[in-house]
N, C-alpha and C. Protein backbone atom coordinates (compact mmCIF):
# COMPACT_ATOMS: atom_id res chain seq x y z
N MET A 1 0.84 -1.17 0.00
CA MET A 1 0.00 0.00 0.00
C MET A 1 0.89 1.24 0.00
N LYS A 2 0.57 2.19 -0.81
CA LYS A 2 1.31 3.44 -0.88
C LYS A 2 0.83 4.39 0.22
N PHE A 3 1.71 5.36 0.55
CA PHE A 3 1.37 6.30 1.61
C PHE A 3 0.07 7.05 1.29
N GLU A 4 -0.11 7.45 0.05
CA GLU A 4 -1.31 8.20 -0.32
C GLU A 4 -2.57 7.39 -0.02
N GLN A 5 -2.53 6.10 -0.27
CA GLN A 5 -3.68 5.24 0.02
C GLN A 5 -3.93 5.17 1.53
N LEU A 6 -2.86 4.97 2.29
CA LEU A 6 -2.98 4.91 3.74
C LEU A 6 -3.50 6.24 4.29
N TYR A 7 -2.96 7.34 3.80
CA TYR A 7 -3.40 8.66 4.25
C TYR A 7 -4.89 8.84 3.98
N ASN A 8 -5.36 8.44 2.82
CA ASN A 8 -6.78 8.58 2.48
C ASN A 8 -7.66 7.71 3.39
N ILE A 9 -7.18 6.52 3.73
CA ILE A 9 -7.91 5.66 4.67
C ILE A 9 -8.03 6.36 6.02
N MET A 10 -6.90 6.92 6.48
CA MET A 10 -6.91 7.61 7.77
C MET A 10 -7.79 8.86 7.72
N LYS A 11 -7.72 9.60 6.64
CA LYS A 11 -8.54 10.80 6.51
C LYS A 11 -10.02 10.44 6.57
N ASP A 12 -10.42 9.42 5.82
CA ASP A 12 -11.82 8.96 5.85
C ASP A 12 -12.22 8.54 7.26
N TYR A 13 -11.33 7.82 7.93
CA TYR A 13 -11.62 7.35 9.29
C TYR A 13 -11.80 8.53 10.24
N PHE A 14 -10.88 9.49 10.21
CA PHE A 14 -10.97 10.63 11.12
C PHE A 14 -12.19 11.49 10.83
N GLU A 15 -12.58 11.63 9.56
CA GLU A 15 -13.74 12.45 9.22
C GLU A 15 -15.03 11.91 9.80
N LYS A 16 -15.08 10.63 10.11
CA LYS A 16 -16.28 10.01 10.67
C LYS A 16 -16.36 10.12 12.19
N GLN A 17 -15.33 10.67 12.82
CA GLN A 17 -15.27 10.73 14.28
C GLN A 17 -15.80 12.06 14.80
N ASP A 18 -16.22 12.04 16.06
CA ASP A 18 -16.75 13.23 16.72
C ASP A 18 -15.69 13.78 17.67
N PHE A 19 -15.18 14.96 17.37
CA PHE A 19 -14.13 15.57 18.19
C PHE A 19 -14.68 16.68 19.09
N SER A 20 -16.00 16.80 19.18
CA SER A 20 -16.58 17.87 19.98
C SER A 20 -16.22 17.75 21.46
N GLY A 21 -15.94 16.57 21.93
CA GLY A 21 -15.59 16.36 23.33
C GLY A 21 -14.22 16.89 23.72
N PHE A 22 -13.42 17.28 22.75
CA PHE A 22 -12.11 17.84 23.05
C PHE A 22 -12.24 19.20 23.72
N GLY A 23 -13.33 19.89 23.45
CA GLY A 23 -13.50 21.22 24.03
C GLY A 23 -12.58 22.23 23.37
N GLU A 24 -12.29 23.29 24.12
CA GLU A 24 -11.45 24.36 23.59
C GLU A 24 -9.98 24.00 23.67
N GLY A 25 -9.21 24.60 22.80
CA GLY A 25 -7.76 24.38 22.80
C GLY A 25 -7.30 23.71 21.52
N VAL A 26 -5.99 23.56 21.43
CA VAL A 26 -5.37 22.97 20.23
C VAL A 26 -4.56 21.76 20.66
N TYR A 27 -4.81 20.65 19.99
CA TYR A 27 -4.06 19.42 20.20
C TYR A 27 -3.56 18.95 18.84
N SER A 28 -2.27 18.76 18.73
CA SER A 28 -1.71 18.33 17.46
C SER A 28 -0.98 17.01 17.67
N TYR A 29 -1.18 16.10 16.73
CA TYR A 29 -0.62 14.76 16.80
C TYR A 29 0.12 14.45 15.51
N GLU A 30 1.32 13.94 15.65
CA GLU A 30 2.08 13.53 14.47
C GLU A 30 2.10 12.02 14.41
N PHE A 31 1.90 11.49 13.22
CA PHE A 31 1.98 10.06 12.98
C PHE A 31 3.15 9.81 12.04
N ASP A 32 4.10 9.02 12.50
CA ASP A 32 5.25 8.61 11.70
C ASP A 32 5.00 7.16 11.33
N VAL A 33 4.62 6.93 10.09
CA VAL A 33 4.27 5.60 9.62
C VAL A 33 5.50 4.96 8.99
N THR A 34 5.80 3.75 9.44
CA THR A 34 6.98 3.03 8.95
C THR A 34 6.56 1.85 8.08
N GLY A 35 7.54 1.29 7.39
CA GLY A 35 7.28 0.12 6.56
C GLY A 35 6.64 0.50 5.24
N GLU A 36 5.88 -0.44 4.70
CA GLU A 36 5.22 -0.19 3.42
C GLU A 36 4.30 1.01 3.54
N GLY A 37 4.41 1.94 2.62
CA GLY A 37 3.59 3.14 2.65
C GLY A 37 4.05 4.16 3.68
N GLU A 38 5.34 4.13 4.00
CA GLU A 38 5.85 5.03 5.03
C GLU A 38 5.66 6.49 4.67
N GLY A 39 5.52 7.30 5.70
CA GLY A 39 5.35 8.74 5.53
C GLY A 39 4.89 9.33 6.84
N LYS A 40 4.60 10.61 6.82
CA LYS A 40 4.15 11.31 8.02
C LYS A 40 2.90 12.12 7.72
N PHE A 41 2.02 12.15 8.71
CA PHE A 41 0.87 13.04 8.63
C PHE A 41 0.57 13.53 10.04
N TYR A 42 -0.20 14.58 10.10
CA TYR A 42 -0.58 15.08 11.41
C TYR A 42 -2.08 15.33 11.47
N VAL A 43 -2.57 15.26 12.68
CA VAL A 43 -3.96 15.56 12.98
C VAL A 43 -3.95 16.69 13.99
N GLU A 44 -4.73 17.71 13.72
CA GLU A 44 -4.86 18.81 14.66
C GLU A 44 -6.33 18.93 15.05
N VAL A 45 -6.57 18.97 16.36
CA VAL A 45 -7.93 19.19 16.86
C VAL A 45 -7.91 20.57 17.52
N ARG A 46 -8.71 21.45 16.96
CA ARG A 46 -8.76 22.84 17.45
C ARG A 46 -10.21 23.17 17.78
N ASP A 47 -10.45 23.40 19.06
CA ASP A 47 -11.78 23.76 19.54
C ASP A 47 -12.85 22.78 19.04
N GLY A 48 -12.54 21.50 19.07
CA GLY A 48 -13.50 20.47 18.69
C GLY A 48 -13.59 20.17 17.21
N ASN A 49 -12.83 20.87 16.39
CA ASN A 49 -12.79 20.61 14.94
C ASN A 49 -11.44 20.02 14.60
N PHE A 50 -11.40 19.17 13.60
CA PHE A 50 -10.14 18.53 13.28
C PHE A 50 -9.69 18.85 11.86
N ASP A 51 -8.40 18.70 11.67
CA ASP A 51 -7.77 18.84 10.35
C ASP A 51 -6.71 17.76 10.26
N ILE A 52 -6.57 17.17 9.11
CA ILE A 52 -5.53 16.17 8.88
C ILE A 52 -4.78 16.55 7.62
N GLN A 53 -3.46 16.51 7.68
CA GLN A 53 -2.63 16.91 6.54
C GLN A 53 -1.46 15.93 6.39
N PRO A 54 -1.04 15.69 5.17
CA PRO A 54 0.07 14.75 4.93
C PRO A 54 1.44 15.43 5.06
N PHE A 55 1.68 16.06 6.20
CA PHE A 55 2.92 16.78 6.43
C PHE A 55 3.51 16.40 7.77
N ASP A 56 4.77 16.69 7.93
CA ASP A 56 5.48 16.57 9.19
C ASP A 56 5.06 17.74 10.08
N TYR A 57 4.89 17.50 11.38
CA TYR A 57 4.45 18.55 12.30
C TYR A 57 5.33 18.44 13.54
N LYS A 58 6.35 19.23 13.60
CA LYS A 58 7.36 19.12 14.66
C LYS A 58 6.89 19.57 16.04
N ASN A 59 5.88 20.39 16.14
CA ASN A 59 5.45 20.93 17.43
C ASN A 59 4.22 20.22 17.97
N SER A 60 4.12 18.93 17.74
CA SER A 60 2.95 18.19 18.21
C SER A 60 3.01 17.97 19.71
N VAL A 61 1.84 17.84 20.32
CA VAL A 61 1.78 17.53 21.75
C VAL A 61 2.11 16.06 21.98
N CYS A 62 1.93 15.27 20.94
CA CYS A 62 2.15 13.84 21.05
C CYS A 62 2.47 13.30 19.66
N SER A 63 3.42 12.37 19.60
CA SER A 63 3.72 11.75 18.31
C SER A 63 3.69 10.24 18.46
N PHE A 64 3.27 9.60 17.39
CA PHE A 64 3.17 8.14 17.35
C PHE A 64 4.06 7.62 16.23
N THR A 65 4.74 6.53 16.49
CA THR A 65 5.47 5.81 15.45
C THR A 65 4.85 4.43 15.37
N VAL A 66 4.42 4.06 14.17
CA VAL A 66 3.70 2.81 14.00
C VAL A 66 3.83 2.36 12.55
N SER A 67 3.84 1.06 12.31
CA SER A 67 3.89 0.56 10.93
C SER A 67 2.52 0.75 10.29
N SER A 68 2.51 0.78 8.98
CA SER A 68 1.24 0.97 8.26
C SER A 68 0.28 -0.18 8.55
N GLY A 69 0.81 -1.41 8.64
CA GLY A 69 -0.04 -2.56 8.93
C GLY A 69 -0.66 -2.47 10.32
N GLU A 70 0.14 -2.06 11.29
CA GLU A 70 -0.37 -1.95 12.66
C GLU A 70 -1.40 -0.82 12.76
N LEU A 71 -1.16 0.28 12.08
CA LEU A 71 -2.10 1.39 12.08
C LEU A 71 -3.44 0.95 11.50
N LYS A 72 -3.39 0.19 10.44
CA LYS A 72 -4.62 -0.31 9.82
C LYS A 72 -5.35 -1.24 10.79
N ARG A 73 -4.61 -2.11 11.48
CA ARG A 73 -5.24 -3.00 12.47
C ARG A 73 -5.86 -2.20 13.62
N LEU A 74 -5.22 -1.11 14.01
CA LEU A 74 -5.77 -0.28 15.08
C LEU A 74 -7.11 0.33 14.69
N ILE A 75 -7.20 0.89 13.50
CA ILE A 75 -8.47 1.52 13.11
C ILE A 75 -9.54 0.48 12.76
N GLU A 76 -9.11 -0.73 12.43
CA GLU A 76 -10.08 -1.81 12.21
C GLU A 76 -10.51 -2.43 13.54
N ARG A 77 -9.86 -2.02 14.62
CA ARG A 77 -10.11 -2.51 15.98
C ARG A 77 -9.81 -3.99 16.14
N SER A 78 -8.87 -4.51 15.35
CA SER A 78 -8.46 -5.90 15.52
C SER A 78 -7.33 -6.01 16.55
N VAL A 79 -6.81 -4.87 16.98
CA VAL A 79 -5.81 -4.81 18.05
C VAL A 79 -6.05 -3.51 18.81
N SER A 80 -5.78 -3.53 20.10
CA SER A 80 -5.99 -2.32 20.90
C SER A 80 -4.71 -1.50 20.96
N PRO A 81 -4.82 -0.20 21.16
CA PRO A 81 -3.62 0.62 21.32
C PRO A 81 -2.75 0.12 22.48
N ALA A 82 -3.36 -0.34 23.55
CA ALA A 82 -2.60 -0.84 24.70
C ALA A 82 -1.75 -2.05 24.31
N ASP A 83 -2.33 -2.96 23.53
CA ASP A 83 -1.58 -4.13 23.08
C ASP A 83 -0.44 -3.72 22.15
N SER A 84 -0.73 -2.81 21.23
CA SER A 84 0.31 -2.33 20.30
C SER A 84 1.43 -1.64 21.05
N TYR A 85 1.06 -0.84 22.04
CA TYR A 85 2.05 -0.10 22.83
C TYR A 85 2.89 -1.05 23.69
N SER A 86 2.24 -1.97 24.36
CA SER A 86 2.97 -2.86 25.28
C SER A 86 3.90 -3.83 24.56
N THR A 87 3.63 -4.09 23.29
CA THR A 87 4.50 -4.98 22.52
C THR A 87 5.51 -4.22 21.67
N GLY A 88 5.50 -2.88 21.78
CA GLY A 88 6.47 -2.07 21.06
C GLY A 88 6.13 -1.80 19.60
N ARG A 89 4.95 -2.21 19.17
CA ARG A 89 4.56 -1.96 17.77
C ARG A 89 4.03 -0.55 17.57
N LEU A 90 3.76 0.14 18.68
CA LEU A 90 3.33 1.53 18.68
C LEU A 90 4.14 2.25 19.74
N THR A 91 4.83 3.31 19.35
CA THR A 91 5.55 4.10 20.34
C THR A 91 4.89 5.48 20.43
N VAL A 92 4.90 6.01 21.64
CA VAL A 92 4.28 7.30 21.92
C VAL A 92 5.33 8.20 22.55
N LYS A 93 5.47 9.40 22.02
CA LYS A 93 6.37 10.40 22.60
C LYS A 93 5.56 11.65 22.87
N GLY A 94 5.85 12.28 23.99
CA GLY A 94 5.15 13.52 24.32
C GLY A 94 4.12 13.30 25.40
N ASP A 95 3.05 14.05 25.33
CA ASP A 95 2.00 14.07 26.34
C ASP A 95 1.11 12.83 26.21
N VAL A 96 1.33 11.86 27.09
CA VAL A 96 0.58 10.61 27.03
C VAL A 96 -0.91 10.84 27.31
N SER A 97 -1.23 11.82 28.16
CA SER A 97 -2.64 12.10 28.41
C SER A 97 -3.34 12.59 27.13
N ALA A 98 -2.60 13.26 26.27
CA ALA A 98 -3.16 13.69 24.98
C ALA A 98 -3.42 12.47 24.09
N ALA A 99 -2.55 11.46 24.20
CA ALA A 99 -2.76 10.22 23.44
C ALA A 99 -4.05 9.53 23.90
N PHE A 100 -4.28 9.50 25.22
CA PHE A 100 -5.52 8.93 25.75
C PHE A 100 -6.73 9.71 25.26
N ARG A 101 -6.60 11.01 25.22
CA ARG A 101 -7.71 11.85 24.75
C ARG A 101 -8.05 11.53 23.30
N LEU A 102 -7.05 11.36 22.46
CA LEU A 102 -7.30 10.99 21.07
C LEU A 102 -7.92 9.61 20.98
N ALA A 103 -7.40 8.65 21.73
CA ALA A 103 -7.95 7.30 21.72
C ALA A 103 -9.43 7.30 22.13
N ASP A 104 -9.78 8.11 23.14
CA ASP A 104 -11.17 8.22 23.56
C ASP A 104 -12.04 8.78 22.45
N ALA A 105 -11.56 9.82 21.78
CA ALA A 105 -12.34 10.43 20.68
C ALA A 105 -12.54 9.45 19.53
N LEU A 106 -11.54 8.60 19.32
CA LEU A 106 -11.63 7.61 18.24
C LEU A 106 -12.33 6.34 18.69
N MET A 107 -12.77 6.35 19.94
CA MET A 107 -13.44 5.21 20.55
C MET A 107 -12.58 3.95 20.52
N LEU A 108 -11.29 4.15 20.74
CA LEU A 108 -10.34 3.05 20.87
C LEU A 108 -10.03 2.90 22.35
N SER A 109 -9.99 1.69 22.83
CA SER A 109 -9.63 1.52 24.24
C SER A 109 -8.12 1.52 24.35
N MET A 110 -7.60 2.22 25.33
CA MET A 110 -6.15 2.36 25.47
C MET A 110 -5.67 1.56 26.67
């Protein structure tokens, strides 16, 4: 799978989610995708609205490093973020509470 295909899958997935529970403020997340379809994208949630762009975002509150296959399994809910994290298939840098907030908005159990 190419990065553009993965990015479009993620964009479609994020567009279906409700970010109104984030409330006011800005939360930015960087995703560093490794392996097949590698690349970077970021998600920004600002005052309950989100934006996703296929760019590097150095000032994120939290960054994730994950393979494209693992990311796909996460959004398909065939693996939990906690399992991915505890086995080292998902790494989190930065504000871990922000990671939990994103997981809650995406209805993923962490």
